[in-house]
Amino acid sequence: MQRIHLIGICGTAMGTVAAMLKARGHDVRGSDQNVYPPMSDFLRQQGVTLLEGYRPEHISADLDMIVIGNAISRGNPELEEVLDRKIRYCSLPEIIRDHFLWRSRSVVIAGTHGKTTTTSLTGWLLTHGGADPSVFIGGIAENFEGSYRIGGGREFVIEGDEYDSAFFDKTAKFLKYLPDIAVVNNIEFDHADIYPDLDAIRLAFRRFVNLVPRRGLLLLGADNADAVALEQFARCRIETFGLSDGATWQAHDLAVSATSTTFNVRRDGRPVGAFEVPMLGAYNVRNALAALAVGAAVGLSPDTMAEGLRKFRGVRRRMEHRGTVDGVMVYDDFAHHPTAIEETLTGVRSAHPHRRIWAIFEPRSATSCRRIFHEDFARALGKADRVILPSVFRSSLPDDQRLDTEQLVADLKTSGVDARFIPATDAIVKTVSREARAGDLVIVMSNGGFDNIHQKLLDALATRTAH
C-alpha cells in the first residue's frame, strides 16, 4: 500500500484516478480549492480524504507519492513544498500507467471528437461480452454509473487525451498509455492553449501511433484524412472504420429514428450484421464502429456486440435529455468544437426533420473562444432553426483573437438563420420559455456549467405551463 496525495483532486480525471487507486488498496487523499459536489460527494463515498485549499502542511512526511494535476502550476503552495523537499512526484497519466497499464492490454481511444462516447461504448461492449475490462472515461457512462470500472480481465480501456500532462511535462497524456490497441477517430485543430497549430497536433498523434507494438492494432477513422494519414507512421496491423468505401469496417444503409440509428456493417467487404445504437447520426455510428472493431479484436461475436450496443445507455452531457415540459425537450450537450456542434445538430436534424431546433451555445473552451473558428461556427450553428449566443465566457484573449459572438449572430442572420445575441443567462431562459412551442428541441452546448441553464429552462417552462 502506498500513501498517495493528489494536488487538484476535484477535476473529473483526477477524482476518478483517486477512486481507482483507493479501490486498489492505496491510502489516497487530495486537496483542491472550493471542493464541491458532485465530485466531492463521490470521493467521500469512495473513502478518499479531501483537504480544502492548498497548504504546505498537507504535504506530510508519510507520503510516498504526489500526483500533480495539469491545472497546477508553479506558485501553488503544495507544489512548492514538494519541490523544496524533493518528494517523489508524477503526473496523472504516469500514475495511471505505473499502477494499471504495464500488466494490461491497453486499449487507448483517441481523437479530437468522440473519445468519451467511444471509450464508453468500447468498455461497455467488452463488459457485456464477458471480457471483464477495466475502464477509464473522461465522463460519466450510464452503464457504469460512473467514470471508471476495475475489472479482472486483461483489457484496460482508457480515453486517450491529447491535452498536456503536467506543468513539467507539456506532452500529450496519451503518450503515457502504452497502447496495444489504439483508436484514432479523427484529428482537427483543438486545444489552442496547448498547440499552436494543426501541425503540432498531427505530430502528437504521429508519436502516439508510433508507440503501438508490432503485434498491436491501430484503428483509424476512414472518413478523416488526417487520421488516415497516420498509417505511414505505424509499425503494426492497421484497420480503418467509417462510412467511406474501402474502409475495413464500413457502415452502410444508415436509418435514423427519433431515439436510435440502425446500420449494417461490412468487414473487408463481407457482411458482419445489422446493428442499432441508441444515439443519433452518422458520427455516433462511427464511434460504434470503432467499438465493434475493438470487440472483434478481443474475440466478441457480432451477435454479442449487437446486443451490447442496443443496451448502451449513453454518456452524461452527450445529448443528455434533461427533461420535457409542455412538449419542449431540453438537452445538455458537451459539444464545443465547431465540428462536434455541426455533427450533433446534423444528427438531431436527421432524427427530427420537421421539428424546430434551438441551439444555445456558450463559447467557453480555449478553442471555442477564438476568432479563427468564426466561419466554422457559422456553418455549424446554421444547422439549427434558432440560435442564441451569449458573450464569450471570461476569455482573456485580446480583441483581435477573441470570437465576436455579436458578429457571428449578424452573419447567421445574413444567411437566413434566426439568431440572437443575449448576454445574460436569465434573459436567454426568459426568451426561450416565452417563445418555445410544443415539439421544439432545445440543445444547450457548453463544456462548462453554463449557470445551470438547463434546469432554469425546465423550471421556467413549468411555470409557464402552471399559468
Protein backbone atom coordinates (compact mmCIF):
# COMPACT_ATOMS: atom_id res chain seq x y z
CA MET A 1 0.00 0.00 0.00
CA GLN A 2 1.21 3.47 -0.87
CA ARG A 3 0.20 6.77 0.69
CA ILE A 4 -0.68 8.98 -2.27
CA HIS A 5 -1.62 12.65 -2.30
CA LEU A 6 -3.17 14.33 -5.35
CA ILE A 7 -2.95 18.09 -5.85
CA GLY A 8 -6.01 19.39 -7.71
CA ILE A 9 -8.21 16.41 -6.95
CA CYS A 10 -11.70 17.56 -7.90
CA GLY A 11 -11.29 17.55 -11.67
CA THR A 12 -13.13 14.58 -13.18
CA ALA A 13 -9.97 12.76 -14.28
CA MET A 14 -8.07 13.36 -11.04
CA GLY A 15 -11.06 12.37 -8.93
CA THR A 16 -11.53 9.19 -10.93
CA VAL A 17 -7.87 8.23 -10.55
CA ALA A 18 -8.09 8.84 -6.80
CA ALA A 19 -11.07 6.48 -6.56
CA MET A 20 -9.33 3.84 -8.68
CA LEU A 21 -6.20 3.95 -6.54
CA LYS A 22 -8.32 3.67 -3.41
CA ALA A 23 -10.08 0.65 -4.92
CA ARG A 24 -6.66 -0.95 -5.41
CA GLY A 25 -5.97 -0.65 -1.69
CA HIS A 26 -3.87 2.51 -1.53
CA ASP A 27 -4.29 5.23 1.11
CA VAL A 28 -5.42 8.17 -1.01
CA ARG A 29 -6.07 11.79 -0.17
CA GLY A 30 -6.03 15.04 -2.08
CA SER A 31 -6.50 18.77 -1.94
CA ASP A 32 -8.21 21.38 -4.08
CA GLN A 33 -9.76 24.84 -3.93
CA ASN A 34 -13.52 25.12 -3.44
CA VAL A 35 -14.24 21.39 -3.10
CA TYR A 36 -17.85 20.92 -4.20
CA PRO A 37 -20.36 18.25 -5.32
CA PRO A 38 -20.78 16.03 -7.19
CA MET A 39 -17.08 15.09 -7.23
CA SER A 40 -16.59 15.84 -3.54
CA ASP A 41 -19.50 13.56 -2.60
CA PHE A 42 -18.24 10.86 -4.95
CA LEU A 43 -14.74 10.92 -3.46
CA ARG A 44 -16.00 10.79 0.11
CA GLN A 45 -18.18 7.81 -0.82
CA GLN A 46 -15.03 6.10 -2.13
CA GLY A 47 -13.20 6.77 1.14
CA VAL A 48 -10.82 9.38 -0.31
CA THR A 49 -9.82 12.08 2.19
CA LEU A 50 -10.50 15.61 0.93
CA LEU A 51 -8.48 18.60 2.10
CA GLU A 52 -9.78 22.10 1.40
CA GLY A 53 -7.34 24.56 -0.09
CA TYR A 54 -3.66 24.27 -0.91
CA ARG A 55 -1.41 24.36 2.17
CA PRO A 56 2.20 23.30 2.73
CA GLU A 57 1.22 21.33 5.85
CA HIS A 58 -0.86 18.98 3.67
CA ILE A 59 2.45 17.57 2.38
CA SER A 60 3.26 15.32 5.34
CA ALA A 61 6.34 13.16 5.83
CA ASP A 62 4.46 9.87 5.47
CA LEU A 63 3.55 10.38 1.79
CA ASP A 64 5.03 8.02 -0.82
CA MET A 65 3.88 9.81 -3.99
CA ILE A 66 2.45 13.16 -5.02
CA VAL A 67 0.30 13.36 -8.18
CA ILE A 68 0.35 16.80 -9.81
CA GLY A 69 -2.70 17.77 -11.88
CA ASN A 70 -2.16 19.63 -15.16
CA ALA A 71 -4.07 22.65 -13.83
CA ILE A 72 -1.41 23.12 -11.11
CA SER A 73 1.48 25.50 -11.81
CA ARG A 74 4.48 26.98 -10.05
CA GLY A 75 3.49 29.12 -7.10
CA ASN A 76 1.00 26.59 -5.75
CA PRO A 77 1.90 26.27 -2.02
CA GLU A 78 1.77 22.47 -2.00
CA LEU A 79 3.75 22.10 -5.23
CA GLU A 80 6.45 24.44 -3.88
CA GLU A 81 6.67 22.32 -0.72
CA VAL A 82 7.03 19.14 -2.79
CA LEU A 83 9.83 20.65 -4.85
CA ASP A 84 11.66 22.14 -1.84
CA ARG A 85 11.64 18.79 -0.01
CA LYS A 86 12.33 16.73 -3.15
CA ILE A 87 9.40 14.39 -2.53
CA ARG A 88 8.69 11.90 -5.31
CA TYR A 89 6.04 13.24 -7.69
CA CYS A 90 4.49 12.35 -11.05
CA SER A 91 1.75 13.41 -13.48
CA LEU A 92 -1.73 11.92 -13.66
CA PRO A 93 -1.04 9.83 -16.80
CA GLU A 94 2.15 8.48 -15.21
CA ILE A 95 0.30 7.22 -12.12
CA ILE A 96 -2.27 5.53 -14.36
CA ARG A 97 0.46 3.89 -16.41
CA ASP A 98 2.52 2.71 -13.46
CA HIS A 99 -0.36 1.35 -11.38
CA PHE A 100 -2.67 -0.04 -14.07
CA LEU A 101 -1.25 -0.34 -17.58
CA TRP A 102 2.07 -2.17 -17.56
CA ARG A 103 0.39 -5.53 -16.98
CA SER A 104 -2.73 -4.80 -19.03
CA ARG A 105 -3.65 -4.89 -22.70
CA SER A 106 -4.15 -1.17 -23.19
CA VAL A 107 -6.99 -0.09 -25.47
CA VAL A 108 -6.47 3.66 -25.95
CA ILE A 109 -9.26 5.69 -27.58
CA ALA A 110 -8.00 8.96 -29.09
CA GLY A 111 -9.10 11.67 -31.50
CA THR A 112 -10.40 15.21 -31.44
CA HIS A 113 -14.07 14.24 -31.19
CA GLY A 114 -15.95 11.26 -29.85
CA LYS A 115 -13.34 9.96 -27.37
CA THR A 116 -15.62 9.81 -24.35
CA THR A 117 -18.52 8.17 -26.18
CA THR A 118 -16.26 5.68 -27.98
CA THR A 119 -14.44 4.78 -24.75
CA SER A 120 -17.77 4.24 -23.02
CA LEU A 121 -19.10 2.14 -25.91
CA THR A 122 -15.94 0.04 -26.09
CA GLY A 123 -15.75 -0.50 -22.34
CA TRP A 124 -19.41 -1.46 -22.24
CA LEU A 125 -19.21 -3.89 -25.17
CA LEU A 126 -16.25 -5.68 -23.58
CA THR A 127 -18.04 -5.75 -20.22
CA HIS A 128 -21.27 -7.03 -21.76
CA GLY A 129 -19.28 -9.64 -23.69
CA GLY A 130 -17.67 -11.04 -20.54
CA ALA A 131 -14.12 -9.73 -21.04
CA ASP A 132 -14.33 -8.01 -17.63
CA PRO A 133 -12.18 -4.99 -18.60
CA SER A 134 -11.03 -2.07 -16.52
CA VAL A 135 -12.25 1.24 -17.94
CA PHE A 136 -11.23 4.89 -17.50
CA ILE A 137 -13.51 7.52 -19.06
CA GLY A 138 -13.42 11.31 -19.18
CA GLY A 139 -17.14 11.46 -18.42
CA ILE A 140 -19.95 9.58 -16.69
CA ALA A 141 -21.06 6.45 -18.56
CA GLU A 142 -24.58 5.47 -17.58
CA ASN A 143 -23.90 1.74 -17.96
CA PHE A 144 -21.19 2.01 -15.29
CA GLU A 145 -22.93 4.78 -13.32
CA GLY A 146 -19.53 6.41 -13.12
CA SER A 147 -16.31 7.24 -14.91
CA TYR A 148 -14.35 4.07 -14.22
CA ARG A 149 -14.51 0.33 -13.75
CA ILE A 150 -11.99 -2.01 -12.12
CA GLY A 151 -12.20 -5.41 -13.78
CA GLY A 152 -10.30 -8.66 -13.56
CA GLY A 153 -9.72 -9.11 -17.28
CA ARG A 154 -6.68 -8.38 -19.40
CA GLU A 155 -8.02 -5.28 -21.20
CA PHE A 156 -7.84 -1.75 -19.86
CA VAL A 157 -9.94 0.64 -21.99
CA ILE A 158 -8.83 4.24 -21.49
CA GLU A 159 -9.73 7.59 -23.03
CA GLY A 160 -6.56 8.95 -24.61
CA ASP A 161 -6.49 12.71 -24.14
CA GLU A 162 -4.11 14.78 -26.27
CA TYR A 163 -4.07 17.55 -23.65
CA ASP A 164 -0.80 18.13 -21.78
CA SER A 165 0.26 16.07 -18.76
CA ALA A 166 1.61 18.48 -16.10
CA PHE A 167 3.50 21.73 -15.57
CA PHE A 168 6.76 19.79 -16.00
CA ASP A 169 5.58 17.72 -18.97
CA LYS A 170 3.75 19.51 -21.78
CA THR A 171 3.47 16.38 -23.95
CA ALA A 172 0.14 14.65 -24.55
CA LYS A 173 -1.31 12.38 -21.87
CA PHE A 174 -1.91 9.55 -24.33
CA LEU A 175 1.84 9.15 -24.88
CA LYS A 176 2.00 7.51 -21.41
CA TYR A 177 -0.73 4.93 -22.02
CA LEU A 178 1.24 2.06 -23.67
CA PRO A 179 -1.28 1.37 -26.46
CA ASP A 180 -1.67 -2.25 -27.58
CA ILE A 181 -4.85 -1.34 -29.45
CA ALA A 182 -5.08 2.31 -30.48
CA VAL A 183 -8.10 4.08 -31.94
CA VAL A 184 -7.88 7.47 -33.66
CA ASN A 185 -11.36 8.69 -34.58
CA ASN A 186 -10.31 11.97 -36.22
CA ILE A 187 -7.80 14.79 -35.99
CA GLU A 188 -8.61 18.52 -36.10
CA PHE A 189 -7.19 21.66 -34.58
CA ASP A 190 -8.17 21.91 -30.93
CA HIS A 191 -6.68 22.83 -27.53
CA ALA A 192 -5.41 26.12 -28.87
CA ASP A 193 -3.95 26.94 -25.45
CA ILE A 194 -1.54 24.00 -25.81
CA TYR A 195 -0.99 23.52 -29.55
CA PRO A 196 -0.04 26.45 -31.79
CA ASP A 197 -1.47 24.89 -34.94
CA LEU A 198 -2.79 21.71 -36.58
CA ASP A 199 0.72 20.53 -37.46
CA ALA A 200 1.61 20.38 -33.77
CA ILE A 201 -1.42 18.18 -33.11
CA ARG A 202 -0.53 15.96 -36.07
CA LEU A 203 2.92 15.48 -34.58
CA ALA A 204 1.47 14.40 -31.22
CA PHE A 205 -0.69 11.79 -32.95
CA ARG A 206 2.24 10.55 -35.04
CA ARG A 207 4.17 9.98 -31.83
CA PHE A 208 1.16 8.19 -30.37
CA VAL A 209 0.73 5.66 -33.19
CA ASN A 210 4.49 5.06 -33.20
CA LEU A 211 4.08 3.51 -29.73
CA VAL A 212 1.83 0.65 -30.87
CA PRO A 213 3.87 -2.59 -30.90
CA ARG A 214 4.31 -4.76 -33.98
CA ARG A 215 1.71 -7.23 -32.71
CA GLY A 216 -0.70 -4.44 -31.81
CA LEU A 217 -3.62 -2.97 -33.74
CA LEU A 218 -4.21 0.58 -34.97
CA LEU A 219 -7.79 1.57 -35.88
CA LEU A 220 -8.08 4.75 -37.95
CA GLY A 221 -11.17 6.78 -38.83
CA ALA A 222 -11.55 6.30 -42.59
CA ASP A 223 -13.66 9.44 -43.01
CA ASN A 224 -10.95 11.81 -41.73
CA ALA A 225 -7.94 12.46 -43.95
CA ASP A 226 -5.56 13.32 -41.13
CA ALA A 227 -6.45 10.13 -39.25
CA VAL A 228 -5.87 8.01 -42.37
CA ALA A 229 -2.53 9.75 -42.95
CA LEU A 230 -1.20 8.21 -39.73
CA GLU A 231 -0.93 4.84 -41.47
CA GLN A 232 2.56 5.68 -42.77
CA PHE A 233 3.89 6.19 -39.24
CA ALA A 234 2.69 2.89 -37.75
CA ARG A 235 4.58 -0.39 -37.46
CA CYS A 236 1.63 -2.59 -36.60
CA ARG A 237 -1.51 -4.06 -38.14
CA ILE A 238 -3.92 -1.36 -39.33
CA GLU A 239 -7.67 -1.40 -39.88
CA THR A 240 -9.94 1.51 -40.78
CA PHE A 241 -13.54 2.25 -39.86
CA GLY A 242 -16.18 4.61 -41.20
CA LEU A 243 -18.72 5.15 -43.94
CA SER A 244 -16.18 5.53 -46.75
CA ASP A 245 -15.75 2.94 -49.48
CA GLY A 246 -12.70 0.82 -48.82
CA ALA A 247 -12.89 1.06 -45.01
CA THR A 248 -12.07 -2.23 -43.29
CA TRP A 249 -15.14 -1.74 -41.10
CA GLN A 250 -17.76 0.02 -43.21
CA ALA A 251 -21.21 1.08 -42.05
CA HIS A 252 -23.91 1.41 -44.68
CA ASP A 253 -27.69 1.75 -45.02
CA LEU A 254 -28.00 4.06 -42.00
CA ALA A 255 -31.53 4.80 -40.80
CA VAL A 256 -32.17 7.32 -38.03
CA SER A 257 -35.29 7.22 -35.85
CA ALA A 258 -36.28 9.54 -33.02
CA THR A 259 -34.19 7.60 -30.49
CA SER A 260 -31.65 5.45 -32.33
CA THR A 261 -29.69 4.75 -35.51
CA THR A 262 -29.66 1.40 -37.29
CA PHE A 263 -26.93 0.38 -39.72
CA ASN A 264 -25.37 -2.59 -41.44
CA VAL A 265 -21.67 -3.42 -41.28
CA ARG A 266 -19.22 -4.94 -43.72
CA ARG A 267 -15.72 -6.07 -42.81
CA ASP A 268 -13.36 -6.24 -45.76
CA GLY A 269 -16.43 -6.18 -47.98
CA ARG A 270 -18.13 -9.15 -46.28
CA PRO A 271 -21.35 -8.73 -44.26
CA VAL A 272 -20.96 -8.71 -40.49
CA GLY A 273 -24.53 -7.99 -39.41
CA ALA A 274 -27.17 -5.40 -38.56
CA PHE A 275 -26.72 -3.13 -35.55
CA GLU A 276 -28.63 -0.47 -33.66
CA VAL A 277 -27.18 2.15 -31.34
CA PRO A 278 -29.46 4.29 -29.14
CA MET A 279 -27.88 7.53 -30.35
CA LEU A 280 -28.42 9.75 -33.35
CA GLY A 281 -26.44 10.30 -36.51
CA ALA A 282 -23.50 9.15 -38.58
CA TYR A 283 -20.90 10.39 -36.11
CA ASN A 284 -22.25 8.05 -33.43
CA VAL A 285 -22.22 5.21 -35.95
CA ARG A 286 -18.50 5.90 -36.46
CA ASN A 287 -17.99 5.73 -32.69
CA ALA A 288 -19.88 2.44 -32.57
CA LEU A 289 -17.83 1.04 -35.47
CA ALA A 290 -14.60 1.68 -33.56
CA ALA A 291 -16.03 -0.14 -30.55
CA LEU A 292 -17.11 -3.06 -32.75
CA ALA A 293 -13.62 -3.31 -34.25
CA VAL A 294 -12.06 -3.44 -30.78
CA GLY A 295 -14.62 -6.01 -29.66
CA ALA A 296 -13.82 -8.21 -32.62
CA ALA A 297 -10.09 -7.96 -31.82
CA VAL A 298 -10.83 -9.13 -28.29
CA GLY A 299 -12.88 -12.04 -29.63
CA LEU A 300 -16.50 -10.98 -29.20
CA SER A 301 -19.12 -12.27 -31.64
CA PRO A 302 -21.25 -9.93 -33.79
CA ASP A 303 -24.43 -11.10 -32.04
CA THR A 304 -23.00 -10.37 -28.61
CA MET A 305 -21.86 -6.92 -29.69
CA ALA A 306 -25.19 -6.16 -31.36
CA GLU A 307 -26.99 -6.92 -28.10
CA GLY A 308 -24.48 -4.82 -26.18
CA LEU A 309 -24.96 -1.84 -28.48
CA ARG A 310 -28.72 -1.97 -28.02
CA LYS A 311 -28.24 -1.92 -24.24
CA PHE A 312 -25.86 1.05 -24.26
CA ARG A 313 -27.33 3.81 -22.08
CA GLY A 314 -25.24 6.76 -23.17
CA VAL A 315 -22.94 9.27 -21.52
CA ARG A 316 -23.93 12.21 -19.40
CA ARG A 317 -23.68 15.57 -21.16
CA ARG A 318 -23.59 13.91 -24.58
CA MET A 319 -27.04 14.81 -25.92
CA GLU A 320 -28.36 14.05 -22.44
CA HIS A 321 -32.11 14.54 -22.22
CA ARG A 322 -32.61 16.72 -19.16
CA GLY A 323 -36.39 16.83 -19.36
CA THR A 324 -39.53 17.65 -21.32
CA VAL A 325 -42.02 20.28 -20.17
CA ASP A 326 -45.08 21.38 -22.14
CA GLY A 327 -43.81 19.40 -25.12
CA VAL A 328 -40.44 21.22 -25.19
CA MET A 329 -37.45 18.86 -24.94
CA VAL A 330 -34.27 20.21 -23.29
CA TYR A 331 -30.88 18.58 -23.92
CA ASP A 332 -27.43 19.10 -22.45
CA ASP A 333 -24.51 18.52 -24.82
CA PHE A 334 -20.79 18.91 -24.20
CA ALA A 335 -20.10 19.94 -27.81
CA HIS A 336 -17.81 22.97 -28.03
CA HIS A 337 -15.67 22.40 -31.13
CA PRO A 338 -17.42 23.56 -34.35
CA THR A 339 -17.21 20.10 -35.95
CA ALA A 340 -18.78 18.46 -32.91
CA ILE A 341 -21.56 21.07 -32.91
CA GLU A 342 -22.23 20.52 -36.60
CA GLU A 343 -22.34 16.74 -36.24
CA THR A 344 -24.62 16.96 -33.22
CA LEU A 345 -27.10 19.24 -34.94
CA THR A 346 -26.96 17.21 -38.16
CA GLY A 347 -27.73 14.03 -36.21
CA VAL A 348 -30.66 15.65 -34.44
CA ARG A 349 -31.98 17.05 -37.74
CA SER A 350 -31.84 13.59 -39.35
CA ALA A 351 -33.93 12.18 -36.49
CA HIS A 352 -36.37 15.10 -36.30
CA PRO A 353 -36.61 16.65 -39.78
CA HIS A 354 -39.85 18.52 -39.09
CA ARG A 355 -39.17 19.83 -35.60
CA ARG A 356 -37.78 23.20 -34.71
CA ILE A 357 -34.28 23.01 -33.26
CA TRP A 358 -32.86 25.62 -30.89
CA ALA A 359 -29.08 25.80 -30.44
CA ILE A 360 -27.87 27.67 -27.37
CA PHE A 361 -24.09 27.74 -27.45
CA GLU A 362 -21.68 29.11 -24.85
CA PRO A 363 -18.12 29.65 -26.20
CA ARG A 364 -16.05 28.66 -23.19
CA SER A 365 -13.14 26.36 -24.04
CA ALA A 366 -9.70 27.63 -25.07
CA THR A 367 -10.55 26.70 -28.65
CA SER A 368 -14.15 27.84 -28.94
CA CYS A 369 -13.30 31.32 -27.68
CA ARG A 370 -11.12 32.03 -30.71
CA ARG A 371 -11.94 34.16 -33.72
CA ILE A 372 -10.21 31.73 -36.12
CA PHE A 373 -13.25 29.43 -35.82
CA HIS A 374 -15.77 32.14 -36.75
CA GLU A 375 -16.68 30.73 -40.17
CA ASP A 376 -16.73 27.15 -38.84
CA PHE A 377 -19.16 28.13 -36.08
CA ALA A 378 -21.35 29.97 -38.58
CA ARG A 379 -21.56 26.83 -40.73
CA ALA A 380 -22.17 24.54 -37.75
CA LEU A 381 -24.80 26.63 -35.98
CA GLY A 382 -26.55 27.22 -39.30
CA LYS A 383 -27.89 23.65 -38.96
CA ALA A 384 -30.30 24.90 -36.28
CA ASP A 385 -33.53 26.87 -36.76
CA ARG A 386 -32.94 29.26 -33.90
CA VAL A 387 -29.59 30.16 -32.39
CA ILE A 388 -28.83 32.04 -29.18
CA LEU A 389 -25.29 33.10 -28.25
CA PRO A 390 -24.11 34.81 -25.05
CA SER A 391 -20.81 36.60 -24.66
CA VAL A 392 -17.60 34.57 -24.72
CA PHE A 393 -17.08 33.15 -21.24
CA ARG A 394 -14.38 35.01 -19.27
CA SER A 395 -11.80 34.97 -22.01
CA SER A 396 -8.54 36.88 -21.54
CA LEU A 397 -7.76 36.73 -25.26
CA PRO A 398 -7.06 40.08 -26.96
CA ASP A 399 -9.91 41.52 -29.00
CA ASP A 400 -8.38 40.61 -32.34
CA GLN A 401 -8.19 36.93 -31.33
CA ARG A 402 -11.42 36.56 -29.35
CA LEU A 403 -14.55 35.24 -31.04
CA ASP A 404 -17.05 38.04 -31.64
CA THR A 405 -20.41 36.44 -30.87
CA GLU A 406 -22.33 39.55 -31.89
CA GLN A 407 -20.73 39.44 -35.35
CA LEU A 408 -21.36 35.69 -35.51
CA VAL A 409 -25.04 36.35 -34.84
CA ALA A 410 -25.10 39.00 -37.55
CA ASP A 411 -23.56 36.58 -40.07
CA LEU A 412 -26.04 33.86 -39.14
CA LYS A 413 -28.89 36.30 -39.69
CA THR A 414 -27.49 37.19 -43.11
CA SER A 415 -27.59 33.50 -44.05
CA GLY A 416 -31.25 33.28 -43.02
CA VAL A 417 -30.92 31.82 -39.50
CA ASP A 418 -33.00 33.27 -36.67
CA ALA A 419 -30.05 34.14 -34.43
CA ARG A 420 -29.81 36.37 -31.37
CA PHE A 421 -27.09 37.69 -29.09
CA ILE A 422 -28.33 37.56 -25.48
CA PRO A 423 -25.51 38.07 -22.94
CA ALA A 424 -27.27 37.06 -19.70
CA THR A 425 -28.37 33.52 -18.87
CA ASP A 426 -31.62 34.63 -17.23
CA ALA A 427 -32.53 36.62 -20.33
CA ILE A 428 -31.89 33.54 -22.50
CA VAL A 429 -34.15 31.49 -20.25
CA LYS A 430 -36.86 34.13 -20.41
CA THR A 431 -36.70 34.29 -24.22
CA VAL A 432 -36.80 30.54 -24.78
CA SER A 433 -39.54 29.90 -22.23
CA ARG A 434 -41.64 32.60 -23.88
CA GLU A 435 -41.13 31.52 -27.49
CA ALA A 436 -40.59 27.74 -27.47
CA ARG A 437 -43.56 25.66 -28.51
CA ALA A 438 -44.55 22.01 -28.16
CA GLY A 439 -42.32 19.81 -30.32
CA ASP A 440 -39.28 22.08 -30.12
CA LEU A 441 -35.88 20.65 -29.21
CA VAL A 442 -33.63 22.95 -27.18
CA ILE A 443 -29.98 21.88 -27.27
CA VAL A 444 -27.66 23.62 -24.82
CA MET A 445 -23.99 23.25 -25.78
CA SER A 446 -21.13 24.11 -23.44
CA ASN A 447 -18.16 22.42 -21.81
CA GLY A 448 -18.98 24.17 -18.54
CA GLY A 449 -21.91 24.53 -16.15
CA PHE A 450 -23.48 27.47 -18.04
CA ASP A 451 -25.14 28.81 -14.87
CA ASN A 452 -27.30 25.67 -14.61
CA ILE A 453 -29.29 26.97 -17.58
CA HIS A 454 -30.79 23.53 -18.32
CA GLN A 455 -32.69 23.35 -15.03
CA LYS A 456 -33.60 27.03 -15.21
CA LEU A 457 -35.18 26.41 -18.62
CA LEU A 458 -37.18 23.45 -17.34
CA ASP A 459 -38.34 25.45 -14.30
CA ALA A 460 -39.35 28.41 -16.46
CA LEU A 461 -41.29 26.17 -18.84
CA ALA A 462 -43.04 24.54 -15.89
CA THR A 463 -44.02 27.97 -14.55
CA ARG A 464 -45.36 28.87 -17.98
CA THR A 465 -47.44 25.70 -18.00
CA ALA A 466 -48.79 26.34 -14.49
CA HIS A 467 -50.09 29.73 -15.61
